[in-house]
Amino acid sequence: MKDQIPPYLKEYANDLTLRRIEANRRRYKGTHKQRKGTKQSVLLGEVSREYYTEYIGILGELLIRHYFEVTPEVTRYTVSTLLKETKSVTDDPDIIVESTKIKYGLTVKICEKTFKANKRAMNKEEPDIASFTLFTSPEDYIFADFSPDEVRLWDVRHAYSPYYEKKPL
């Protein structure tokens, strides 16, 4: 399903991104975990890697939350906060969803150009569904859901760390 990104979610994602970057700078000060350099993005153009990584993740999660808010079958969902001040981040599902039919856990994956999932994280997580938000332009995105077992059958690529990848149809 291809849809347009609501402008107010972009603004909110920007605000949260700037806050998360500051929190991460405090959390990762003196470590190798700070992202350096720039990234050419379908969604944002050329931006710092630090901003890119945080912004697309936050915007993707906001879009999924928005979808659940306007979906009549969803009766409740539970999420963790987008801004965390703790040293460790858990491997719990990103979102627990209750619908009129079933309760399920989601892992949320956000990407551009192709569907991607960090291999190490995907192999550790145990969600019911891997929910992907694929940005296709500065204004548009696609949602797609896969089972974790399907994702683990995708091609493995190597960059900063190994990841599963699938080209959209």
N, C-alpha and C. Protein backbone atom coordinates (compact mmCIF):
# COMPACT_ATOMS: atom_id res chain seq x y z
N MET A 1 0.85 -1.17 0.00
CA MET A 1 0.00 0.00 0.00
C MET A 1 0.90 1.24 0.00
N LYS A 2 0.85 2.03 -1.05
CA LYS A 2 1.64 3.27 -1.14
C LYS A 2 0.79 4.41 -0.62
N ASP A 3 1.39 5.26 0.21
CA ASP A 3 0.65 6.36 0.79
C ASP A 3 1.56 7.57 0.94
N GLN A 4 0.97 8.72 1.23
CA GLN A 4 1.74 9.95 1.42
C GLN A 4 2.01 10.18 2.91
N ILE A 5 3.17 10.75 3.19
CA ILE A 5 3.57 11.05 4.56
C ILE A 5 2.87 12.35 4.99
N PRO A 6 2.09 12.30 6.07
CA PRO A 6 1.48 13.55 6.55
C PRO A 6 2.56 14.54 7.00
N PRO A 7 2.49 15.80 6.53
CA PRO A 7 3.52 16.79 6.87
C PRO A 7 3.72 16.98 8.38
N TYR A 8 2.64 16.91 9.16
CA TYR A 8 2.77 17.12 10.60
C TYR A 8 3.60 16.01 11.25
N LEU A 9 3.59 14.80 10.67
CA LEU A 9 4.44 13.74 11.22
C LEU A 9 5.91 13.99 10.91
N LYS A 10 6.18 14.60 9.75
CA LYS A 10 7.57 14.97 9.42
C LYS A 10 8.10 15.99 10.42
N GLU A 11 7.28 16.98 10.76
CA GLU A 11 7.69 18.01 11.71
C GLU A 11 7.93 17.40 13.09
N TYR A 12 7.02 16.55 13.51
CA TYR A 12 7.15 15.89 14.82
C TYR A 12 8.39 14.98 14.84
N ALA A 13 8.61 14.25 13.75
CA ALA A 13 9.79 13.39 13.65
C ALA A 13 11.07 14.21 13.74
N ASN A 14 11.09 15.37 13.11
CA ASN A 14 12.27 16.25 13.17
C ASN A 14 12.54 16.67 14.62
N ASP A 15 11.51 17.10 15.33
CA ASP A 15 11.67 17.51 16.72
C ASP A 15 12.21 16.36 17.57
N LEU A 16 11.62 15.19 17.45
CA LEU A 16 12.08 14.04 18.23
C LEU A 16 13.50 13.61 17.83
N THR A 17 13.82 13.73 16.54
CA THR A 17 15.15 13.37 16.06
C THR A 17 16.21 14.25 16.71
N LEU A 18 15.99 15.54 16.76
CA LEU A 18 16.96 16.44 17.36
C LEU A 18 17.15 16.13 18.85
N ARG A 19 16.06 15.79 19.52
CA ARG A 19 16.14 15.43 20.93
C ARG A 19 16.89 14.10 21.13
N ARG A 20 16.61 13.13 20.25
CA ARG A 20 17.26 11.83 20.37
C ARG A 20 18.76 11.94 20.07
N ILE A 21 19.13 12.75 19.10
CA ILE A 21 20.55 12.95 18.79
C ILE A 21 21.29 13.47 20.02
N GLU A 22 20.70 14.44 20.69
CA GLU A 22 21.35 14.97 21.91
C GLU A 22 21.46 13.89 22.98
N ALA A 23 20.41 13.09 23.17
CA ALA A 23 20.45 12.02 24.16
C ALA A 23 21.51 10.99 23.79
N ASN A 24 21.59 10.65 22.51
CA ASN A 24 22.59 9.68 22.05
C ASN A 24 24.01 10.20 22.22
N ARG A 25 24.21 11.48 22.00
CA ARG A 25 25.55 12.06 22.18
C ARG A 25 26.00 11.91 23.63
N ARG A 26 25.06 12.12 24.54
CA ARG A 26 25.40 11.92 25.96
C ARG A 26 25.64 10.44 26.26
N ARG A 27 24.77 9.57 25.73
CA ARG A 27 24.85 8.13 25.99
C ARG A 27 26.13 7.51 25.42
N TYR A 28 26.49 7.89 24.20
CA TYR A 28 27.60 7.23 23.51
C TYR A 28 28.90 8.04 23.50
N LYS A 29 28.95 9.10 24.31
CA LYS A 29 30.15 9.93 24.35
C LYS A 29 31.39 9.07 24.64
N GLY A 30 32.42 9.21 23.80
CA GLY A 30 33.65 8.47 24.00
C GLY A 30 33.63 7.05 23.47
N THR A 31 32.57 6.65 22.78
CA THR A 31 32.50 5.30 22.21
C THR A 31 32.56 5.39 20.68
N HIS A 32 32.61 4.23 20.04
CA HIS A 32 32.61 4.17 18.58
C HIS A 32 31.20 4.17 18.00
N LYS A 33 30.18 4.29 18.83
CA LYS A 33 28.80 4.15 18.37
C LYS A 33 28.21 5.43 17.77
N GLN A 34 28.96 6.51 17.76
CA GLN A 34 28.45 7.73 17.13
C GLN A 34 28.63 7.62 15.63
N ARG A 35 27.56 7.93 14.88
CA ARG A 35 27.60 7.83 13.42
C ARG A 35 28.22 9.09 12.82
N LYS A 36 29.21 8.89 11.97
CA LYS A 36 29.92 10.01 11.34
C LYS A 36 29.60 10.05 9.85
N GLY A 37 29.87 11.18 9.22
CA GLY A 37 29.73 11.30 7.77
C GLY A 37 28.33 11.69 7.35
N THR A 38 28.10 11.61 6.03
CA THR A 38 26.81 11.97 5.47
C THR A 38 26.21 10.80 4.71
N LYS A 39 24.93 10.92 4.40
CA LYS A 39 24.19 9.87 3.70
C LYS A 39 23.31 10.54 2.66
N GLN A 40 23.29 9.98 1.45
CA GLN A 40 22.37 10.44 0.41
C GLN A 40 21.08 9.65 0.58
N SER A 41 20.01 10.33 0.90
CA SER A 41 18.74 9.69 1.25
C SER A 41 17.66 9.99 0.22
N VAL A 42 16.85 8.99 -0.08
CA VAL A 42 15.67 9.17 -0.93
C VAL A 42 14.71 10.15 -0.27
N LEU A 43 14.57 10.03 1.03
CA LEU A 43 13.62 10.81 1.79
C LEU A 43 14.11 12.23 2.07
N LEU A 44 15.39 12.37 2.40
CA LEU A 44 15.90 13.64 2.94
C LEU A 44 16.93 14.36 2.08
N GLY A 45 17.44 13.73 1.03
CA GLY A 45 18.57 14.30 0.31
C GLY A 45 19.85 13.98 1.09
N GLU A 46 20.86 14.83 0.99
CA GLU A 46 22.11 14.58 1.71
C GLU A 46 22.03 15.15 3.13
N VAL A 47 22.20 14.28 4.11
CA VAL A 47 22.14 14.67 5.52
C VAL A 47 23.20 13.89 6.30
N SER A 48 23.43 14.30 7.53
CA SER A 48 24.38 13.56 8.37
C SER A 48 23.83 12.16 8.63
N ARG A 49 24.72 11.18 8.74
CA ARG A 49 24.30 9.80 9.04
C ARG A 49 23.55 9.74 10.37
N GLU A 50 24.01 10.52 11.30
CA GLU A 50 23.39 10.55 12.63
C GLU A 50 21.93 10.98 12.51
N TYR A 51 21.68 12.08 11.79
CA TYR A 51 20.31 12.58 11.61
C TYR A 51 19.48 11.58 10.81
N TYR A 52 20.05 11.08 9.71
CA TYR A 52 19.35 10.14 8.84
C TYR A 52 18.85 8.92 9.63
N THR A 53 19.76 8.29 10.36
CA THR A 53 19.41 7.06 11.08
C THR A 53 18.29 7.30 12.06
N GLU A 54 18.38 8.35 12.83
CA GLU A 54 17.35 8.62 13.83
C GLU A 54 16.04 9.07 13.19
N TYR A 55 16.11 9.95 12.20
CA TYR A 55 14.90 10.51 11.59
C TYR A 55 14.07 9.44 10.90
N ILE A 56 14.68 8.61 10.06
CA ILE A 56 13.84 7.64 9.35
C ILE A 56 13.24 6.62 10.30
N GLY A 57 13.97 6.26 11.35
CA GLY A 57 13.42 5.34 12.33
C GLY A 57 12.23 5.92 13.07
N ILE A 58 12.38 7.16 13.50
CA ILE A 58 11.29 7.82 14.22
C ILE A 58 10.10 8.05 13.30
N LEU A 59 10.33 8.57 12.10
CA LEU A 59 9.22 8.81 11.18
C LEU A 59 8.51 7.50 10.83
N GLY A 60 9.26 6.45 10.60
CA GLY A 60 8.65 5.16 10.30
C GLY A 60 7.76 4.66 11.42
N GLU A 61 8.24 4.78 12.66
CA GLU A 61 7.41 4.35 13.80
C GLU A 61 6.18 5.24 13.96
N LEU A 62 6.33 6.54 13.72
CA LEU A 62 5.16 7.43 13.80
C LEU A 62 4.13 7.06 12.74
N LEU A 63 4.58 6.70 11.55
CA LEU A 63 3.64 6.29 10.48
C LEU A 63 2.89 5.01 10.86
N ILE A 64 3.59 4.08 11.47
CA ILE A 64 2.93 2.84 11.90
C ILE A 64 1.93 3.13 13.01
N ARG A 65 2.30 3.95 13.96
CA ARG A 65 1.36 4.33 15.03
C ARG A 65 0.14 5.04 14.44
N HIS A 66 0.37 5.91 13.48
CA HIS A 66 -0.73 6.61 12.81
C HIS A 66 -1.67 5.60 12.14
N TYR A 67 -1.08 4.62 11.46
CA TYR A 67 -1.88 3.58 10.80
C TYR A 67 -2.76 2.85 11.82
N PHE A 68 -2.20 2.49 12.97
CA PHE A 68 -2.99 1.79 13.98
C PHE A 68 -4.09 2.67 14.55
N GLU A 69 -3.85 3.96 14.66
CA GLU A 69 -4.87 4.88 15.17
C GLU A 69 -6.08 4.95 14.25
N VAL A 70 -5.87 4.82 12.95
CA VAL A 70 -6.98 4.98 12.00
C VAL A 70 -7.51 3.64 11.47
N THR A 71 -7.02 2.53 12.01
CA THR A 71 -7.47 1.21 11.59
C THR A 71 -8.52 0.70 12.58
N PRO A 72 -9.77 0.54 12.14
CA PRO A 72 -10.85 0.16 13.06
C PRO A 72 -10.64 -1.17 13.78
N GLU A 73 -9.94 -2.13 13.16
CA GLU A 73 -9.74 -3.43 13.78
C GLU A 73 -8.78 -3.38 14.96
N VAL A 74 -7.92 -2.37 15.00
CA VAL A 74 -6.95 -2.25 16.09
C VAL A 74 -7.65 -1.62 17.29
N THR A 75 -7.67 -2.36 18.39
CA THR A 75 -8.33 -1.88 19.60
C THR A 75 -7.36 -1.31 20.61
N ARG A 76 -6.08 -1.71 20.51
CA ARG A 76 -5.07 -1.23 21.45
C ARG A 76 -3.69 -1.56 20.91
N TYR A 77 -2.74 -0.70 21.19
CA TYR A 77 -1.35 -1.04 20.90
C TYR A 77 -0.47 -0.45 21.99
N THR A 78 0.64 -1.13 22.25
CA THR A 78 1.58 -0.72 23.28
C THR A 78 2.93 -0.52 22.61
N VAL A 79 3.56 0.59 22.89
CA VAL A 79 4.87 0.90 22.30
C VAL A 79 5.81 1.37 23.40
N SER A 80 7.10 1.31 23.10
CA SER A 80 8.05 1.94 24.00
C SER A 80 8.26 3.37 23.51
N THR A 81 8.80 4.20 24.36
CA THR A 81 8.99 5.59 24.01
C THR A 81 10.04 5.73 22.90
N LEU A 82 9.95 6.79 22.15
CA LEU A 82 10.91 7.06 21.08
C LEU A 82 12.18 7.71 21.61
N LEU A 83 12.11 8.32 22.77
CA LEU A 83 13.28 8.93 23.39
C LEU A 83 13.63 8.13 24.64
N LYS A 84 14.84 7.57 24.65
CA LYS A 84 15.27 6.76 25.79
C LYS A 84 16.56 7.33 26.34
N GLU A 85 16.65 7.44 27.63
CA GLU A 85 17.86 7.94 28.28
C GLU A 85 18.68 6.81 28.89
N THR A 86 18.23 5.57 28.75
CA THR A 86 18.93 4.45 29.38
C THR A 86 20.13 4.01 28.55
N LYS A 87 21.02 3.28 29.17
CA LYS A 87 22.23 2.80 28.49
C LYS A 87 21.91 1.61 27.59
N SER A 88 20.96 0.77 27.98
CA SER A 88 20.68 -0.43 27.19
C SER A 88 19.31 -0.33 26.54
N VAL A 89 19.22 -0.89 25.36
CA VAL A 89 17.96 -0.94 24.62
C VAL A 89 17.59 -2.42 24.51
N THR A 90 16.33 -2.75 24.79
CA THR A 90 15.93 -4.16 24.83
C THR A 90 15.61 -4.70 23.44
N ASP A 91 15.52 -6.01 23.36
CA ASP A 91 15.17 -6.69 22.11
C ASP A 91 13.69 -7.10 22.09
N ASP A 92 12.89 -6.46 22.91
CA ASP A 92 11.46 -6.74 22.93
C ASP A 92 10.83 -6.29 21.62
N PRO A 93 9.63 -6.80 21.30
CA PRO A 93 8.95 -6.28 20.10
C PRO A 93 8.76 -4.77 20.23
N ASP A 94 8.85 -4.07 19.10
CA ASP A 94 8.69 -2.62 19.11
C ASP A 94 7.26 -2.21 19.45
N ILE A 95 6.31 -3.00 18.96
CA ILE A 95 4.90 -2.68 19.16
C ILE A 95 4.13 -3.99 19.43
N ILE A 96 3.28 -3.97 20.45
CA ILE A 96 2.34 -5.07 20.70
C ILE A 96 0.97 -4.55 20.26
N VAL A 97 0.32 -5.28 19.37
CA VAL A 97 -0.94 -4.83 18.79
C VAL A 97 -2.06 -5.80 19.18
N GLU A 98 -3.18 -5.24 19.59
CA GLU A 98 -4.38 -6.04 19.82
C GLU A 98 -5.43 -5.58 18.83
N SER A 99 -5.95 -6.54 18.08
CA SER A 99 -7.02 -6.21 17.14
C SER A 99 -8.26 -6.99 17.56
N THR A 100 -9.32 -6.80 16.82
CA THR A 100 -10.55 -7.52 17.13
C THR A 100 -10.38 -9.02 16.89
N LYS A 101 -9.32 -9.41 16.15
CA LYS A 101 -9.11 -10.81 15.80
C LYS A 101 -7.98 -11.47 16.57
N ILE A 102 -6.88 -10.73 16.85
CA ILE A 102 -5.67 -11.37 17.37
C ILE A 102 -4.77 -10.34 18.06
N LYS A 103 -3.89 -10.83 18.92
CA LYS A 103 -2.86 -10.00 19.53
C LYS A 103 -1.52 -10.46 18.97
N TYR A 104 -0.67 -9.51 18.56
CA TYR A 104 0.60 -9.89 17.96
C TYR A 104 1.67 -8.84 18.25
N GLY A 105 2.92 -9.30 18.20
CA GLY A 105 4.06 -8.42 18.41
C GLY A 105 4.73 -8.10 17.09
N LEU A 106 5.14 -6.85 16.93
CA LEU A 106 5.79 -6.40 15.70
C LEU A 106 7.22 -5.97 15.99
N THR A 107 8.09 -6.26 15.05
CA THR A 107 9.35 -5.55 15.01
C THR A 107 9.24 -4.59 13.85
N VAL A 108 9.68 -3.37 14.05
CA VAL A 108 9.52 -2.33 13.05
C VAL A 108 10.85 -2.10 12.35
N LYS A 109 10.84 -2.17 11.03
CA LYS A 109 12.03 -1.97 10.21
C LYS A 109 11.75 -0.83 9.22
N ILE A 110 12.66 0.11 9.16
CA ILE A 110 12.48 1.29 8.32
C ILE A 110 13.62 1.32 7.30
N CYS A 111 13.29 1.57 6.03
CA CYS A 111 14.33 1.50 5.00
C CYS A 111 13.97 2.35 3.78
N GLU A 112 14.95 2.44 2.88
CA GLU A 112 14.77 3.12 1.60
C GLU A 112 15.26 2.18 0.50
N LYS A 113 14.68 2.30 -0.68
CA LYS A 113 15.06 1.58 -1.90
C LYS A 113 14.76 0.08 -1.84
N THR A 114 15.24 -0.62 -0.80
CA THR A 114 14.96 -2.05 -0.64
C THR A 114 14.57 -2.33 0.80
N PHE A 115 13.91 -3.47 1.03
CA PHE A 115 13.60 -3.88 2.39
C PHE A 115 14.89 -4.39 3.02
N LYS A 116 15.21 -3.90 4.23
CA LYS A 116 16.44 -4.27 4.91
C LYS A 116 16.15 -4.53 6.38
N ALA A 117 16.87 -5.51 6.94
CA ALA A 117 16.76 -5.80 8.38
C ALA A 117 18.13 -6.24 8.88
N ASN A 118 18.61 -5.61 9.93
CA ASN A 118 19.88 -5.98 10.54
C ASN A 118 19.85 -7.47 10.89
N LYS A 119 20.82 -8.22 10.41
CA LYS A 119 20.83 -9.67 10.57
C LYS A 119 20.90 -10.08 12.04
N ARG A 120 21.81 -9.48 12.78
CA ARG A 120 21.98 -9.85 14.18
C ARG A 120 20.69 -9.59 14.97
N ALA A 121 20.10 -8.42 14.77
CA ALA A 121 18.87 -8.07 15.48
C ALA A 121 17.73 -9.00 15.07
N MET A 122 17.61 -9.25 13.77
CA MET A 122 16.51 -10.09 13.27
C MET A 122 16.62 -11.51 13.80
N ASN A 123 17.84 -12.01 13.95
CA ASN A 123 18.03 -13.37 14.45
C ASN A 123 17.78 -13.47 15.95
N LYS A 124 17.89 -12.36 16.69
CA LYS A 124 17.64 -12.36 18.13
C LYS A 124 16.18 -12.13 18.47
N GLU A 125 15.50 -11.33 17.66
CA GLU A 125 14.12 -10.96 17.96
C GLU A 125 13.17 -12.12 17.72
N GLU A 126 12.06 -12.08 18.45
CA GLU A 126 11.04 -13.12 18.28
C GLU A 126 9.65 -12.51 18.13
N PRO A 127 9.47 -11.60 17.16
CA PRO A 127 8.15 -11.01 16.95
C PRO A 127 7.28 -11.96 16.12
N ASP A 128 6.00 -11.67 16.07
CA ASP A 128 5.10 -12.42 15.20
C ASP A 128 5.22 -11.92 13.76
N ILE A 129 5.45 -10.61 13.61
CA ILE A 129 5.49 -9.98 12.29
C ILE A 129 6.65 -8.99 12.23
N ALA A 130 7.32 -8.96 11.09
CA ALA A 130 8.30 -7.91 10.80
C ALA A 130 7.60 -6.91 9.89
N SER A 131 7.35 -5.72 10.41
CA SER A 131 6.62 -4.70 9.67
C SER A 131 7.60 -3.68 9.11
N PHE A 132 7.60 -3.53 7.79
CA PHE A 132 8.54 -2.65 7.11
C PHE A 132 7.85 -1.40 6.60
N THR A 133 8.54 -0.27 6.76
CA THR A 133 8.15 0.98 6.12
C THR A 133 9.27 1.30 5.15
N LEU A 134 8.93 1.34 3.86
CA LEU A 134 9.91 1.60 2.80
C LEU A 134 9.62 2.97 2.21
N PHE A 135 10.55 3.92 2.40
CA PHE A 135 10.38 5.24 1.81
C PHE A 135 10.78 5.19 0.35
N THR A 136 9.89 5.67 -0.51
CA THR A 136 10.11 5.60 -1.96
C THR A 136 10.38 6.97 -2.58
N SER A 137 10.11 8.04 -1.83
CA SER A 137 10.37 9.41 -2.28
C SER A 137 10.30 10.31 -1.04
N PRO A 138 10.55 11.60 -1.18
CA PRO A 138 10.42 12.49 -0.02
C PRO A 138 9.00 12.58 0.55
N GLU A 139 8.01 12.15 -0.23
CA GLU A 139 6.61 12.24 0.21
C GLU A 139 5.91 10.90 0.39
N ASP A 140 6.43 9.82 -0.19
CA ASP A 140 5.69 8.55 -0.24
C ASP A 140 6.40 7.42 0.50
N TYR A 141 5.59 6.45 0.93
CA TYR A 141 6.11 5.26 1.60
C TYR A 141 5.20 4.07 1.30
N ILE A 142 5.72 2.89 1.58
CA ILE A 142 4.98 1.64 1.42
C ILE A 142 5.11 0.86 2.72
N PHE A 143 4.01 0.28 3.20
CA PHE A 143 4.05 -0.66 4.31
C PHE A 143 4.08 -2.08 3.73
N ALA A 144 4.82 -2.97 4.36
CA ALA A 144 4.82 -4.38 3.99
C ALA A 144 5.12 -5.21 5.23
N ASP A 145 4.42 -6.30 5.39
CA ASP A 145 4.64 -7.20 6.53
C ASP A 145 5.15 -8.54 6.03
N PHE A 146 6.10 -9.10 6.79
CA PHE A 146 6.67 -10.41 6.49
C PHE A 146 6.80 -11.18 7.80
N SER A 147 6.82 -12.49 7.71
CA SER A 147 7.12 -13.27 8.90
C SER A 147 8.63 -13.19 9.13
N PRO A 148 9.08 -13.30 10.38
CA PRO A 148 10.52 -13.30 10.63
C PRO A 148 11.24 -14.40 9.85
N ASP A 149 10.61 -15.57 9.70
CA ASP A 149 11.23 -16.66 8.95
C ASP A 149 11.41 -16.29 7.47
N GLU A 150 10.45 -15.56 6.90
CA GLU A 150 10.60 -15.10 5.51
C GLU A 150 11.81 -14.17 5.39
N VAL A 151 11.94 -13.23 6.33
CA VAL A 151 13.03 -12.27 6.28
C VAL A 151 14.38 -12.99 6.38
N ARG A 152 14.44 -14.00 7.22
CA ARG A 152 15.71 -14.73 7.42
C ARG A 152 16.12 -15.53 6.19
N LEU A 153 15.25 -15.65 5.20
CA LEU A 153 15.59 -16.33 3.94
C LEU A 153 16.08 -15.37 2.86
N TRP A 154 16.02 -14.07 3.12
CA TRP A 154 16.46 -13.08 2.14
C TRP A 154 17.97 -13.14 1.97
N ASP A 155 18.45 -12.49 0.91
CA ASP A 155 19.90 -12.38 0.69
C ASP A 155 20.54 -11.64 1.85
N VAL A 156 21.77 -12.03 2.19
CA VAL A 156 22.53 -11.34 3.23
C VAL A 156 23.57 -10.45 2.55
N ARG A 157 23.58 -9.19 2.93
CA ARG A 157 24.54 -8.21 2.43
C ARG A 157 25.40 -7.76 3.60
N HIS A 158 26.52 -7.12 3.26
CA HIS A 158 27.43 -6.65 4.31
C HIS A 158 27.73 -5.19 4.11
N ALA A 159 27.58 -4.42 5.17
CA ALA A 159 27.94 -3.00 5.19
C ALA A 159 28.58 -2.77 6.56
N TYR A 160 28.09 -1.80 7.31
CA TYR A 160 28.58 -1.58 8.67
C TYR A 160 28.40 -2.87 9.48
N SER A 161 27.28 -3.54 9.26
CA SER A 161 27.02 -4.86 9.83
C SER A 161 26.16 -5.64 8.83
N PRO A 162 26.14 -6.97 8.92
CA PRO A 162 25.36 -7.77 7.96
C PRO A 162 23.86 -7.48 8.09
N TYR A 163 23.18 -7.54 6.94
CA TYR A 163 21.74 -7.31 6.96
C TYR A 163 21.07 -8.17 5.89
N TYR A 164 19.79 -8.47 6.14
CA TYR A 164 18.95 -9.14 5.16
C TYR A 164 18.39 -8.09 4.21
N GLU A 165 18.26 -8.45 2.94
CA GLU A 165 17.74 -7.50 1.95
C GLU A 165 16.83 -8.17 0.95
N LYS A 166 15.77 -7.46 0.58
CA LYS A 166 14.84 -7.91 -0.47
C LYS A 166 14.42 -6.70 -1.28
N LYS A 167 14.42 -6.86 -2.59
CA LYS A 167 13.96 -5.78 -3.47
C LYS A 167 12.43 -5.82 -3.52
N PRO A 168 11.79 -4.64 -3.49
CA PRO A 168 10.33 -4.62 -3.60
C PRO A 168 9.89 -5.08 -4.99
N LEU A 169 8.71 -5.61 -5.06
CA LEU A 169 8.19 -6.08 -6.36
C LEU A 169 7.79 -4.93 -7.23
